[in-house]
Protein backbone atom coordinates (compact mmCIF):
# COMPACT_ATOMS: atom_id res chain seq x y z
CA MET A 1 -6.11 16.64 -8.39
CA GLY A 2 -7.57 16.54 -4.44
CA LEU A 3 -8.76 12.83 -5.33
CA ILE A 4 -5.12 11.29 -6.70
CA VAL A 5 -3.55 13.59 -3.04
CA LEU A 6 -6.13 11.82 -1.07
CA SER A 7 -5.95 8.19 -2.48
CA ILE A 8 -1.79 8.04 -2.32
CA VAL A 9 -1.97 9.68 1.25
CA LEU A 10 -4.64 7.08 2.43
CA SER A 11 -3.18 3.88 0.26
CA MET A 12 0.19 5.00 2.61
CA ILE A 13 -1.78 4.67 5.10
CA LEU A 14 -3.31 1.50 4.24
CA GLY A 15 0.04 0.28 3.31
CA SER A 16 1.51 0.75 6.83
CA CYS A 17 -1.43 -1.42 8.30
CA VAL A 18 -0.99 -4.03 5.65
CA TRP A 19 2.19 -4.36 6.84
CA LEU A 20 1.75 -4.71 10.44
CA ILE A 21 -0.60 -7.11 9.70
CA LEU A 22 1.55 -9.20 6.79
CA GLY A 23 4.62 -8.15 8.01
CA ASP A 24 7.54 -8.70 5.42
CA LYS A 25 6.42 -10.90 2.64
CA PHE A 26 8.40 -9.88 -0.41
CA PRO A 27 9.85 -10.95 -2.20
CA ILE A 28 7.76 -14.04 -1.84
CA LYS A 29 9.14 -17.53 -2.25
CA GLU A 30 12.81 -16.33 -1.49
CA GLU A 31 14.68 -16.38 2.01
CA GLN A 32 15.62 -13.27 2.13
CA LYS A 33 13.70 -10.55 3.08
CA TRP A 34 13.90 -6.58 1.55
CA PRO A 35 14.15 -3.87 4.17
CA PRO A 36 10.80 -2.85 6.25
CA LEU A 37 10.23 0.62 4.18
CA ASN A 38 10.39 -1.49 0.88
CA ASN A 39 7.43 -3.84 2.01
CA ILE A 40 5.40 -0.83 2.55
CA VAL A 41 6.30 0.90 -0.14
CA CYS A 42 4.70 -2.08 -2.31
CA TYR A 43 1.87 -2.51 0.04
CA ALA A 44 0.64 0.87 -0.68
CA LEU A 45 1.06 0.78 -4.13
CA ILE A 46 -0.52 -2.28 -4.29
CA SER A 47 -3.56 -0.36 -2.95
CA ALA A 48 -3.30 2.80 -4.66
CA VAL A 49 -5.45 1.31 -7.62
CA PRO A 50 -8.43 0.16 -5.35
CA VAL A 51 -8.19 2.80 -3.04
CA TYR A 52 -8.50 5.43 -5.83
CA LEU A 53 -11.63 3.68 -7.55
CA VAL A 54 -12.87 3.45 -4.26
CA ILE A 55 -13.01 7.43 -3.17
CA PHE A 56 -14.05 8.09 -6.79
CA PHE A 57 -16.76 6.05 -6.63
CA VAL A 58 -17.90 7.02 -3.52
CA PHE A 59 -17.59 11.06 -3.79
């Protein structure tokens, strides 16, 4: 349970950092972009599984 909570928190932080670097990219190939919060959530969801796997194999 602790690994899941830690990975969710770290993926939210990583999603925010990625959003600061890449900005509003979603949806791709459309002129109208989503609000920043939707992009941060999307980045966090994309990074959740890799973050969980890294934490799982390190600890």
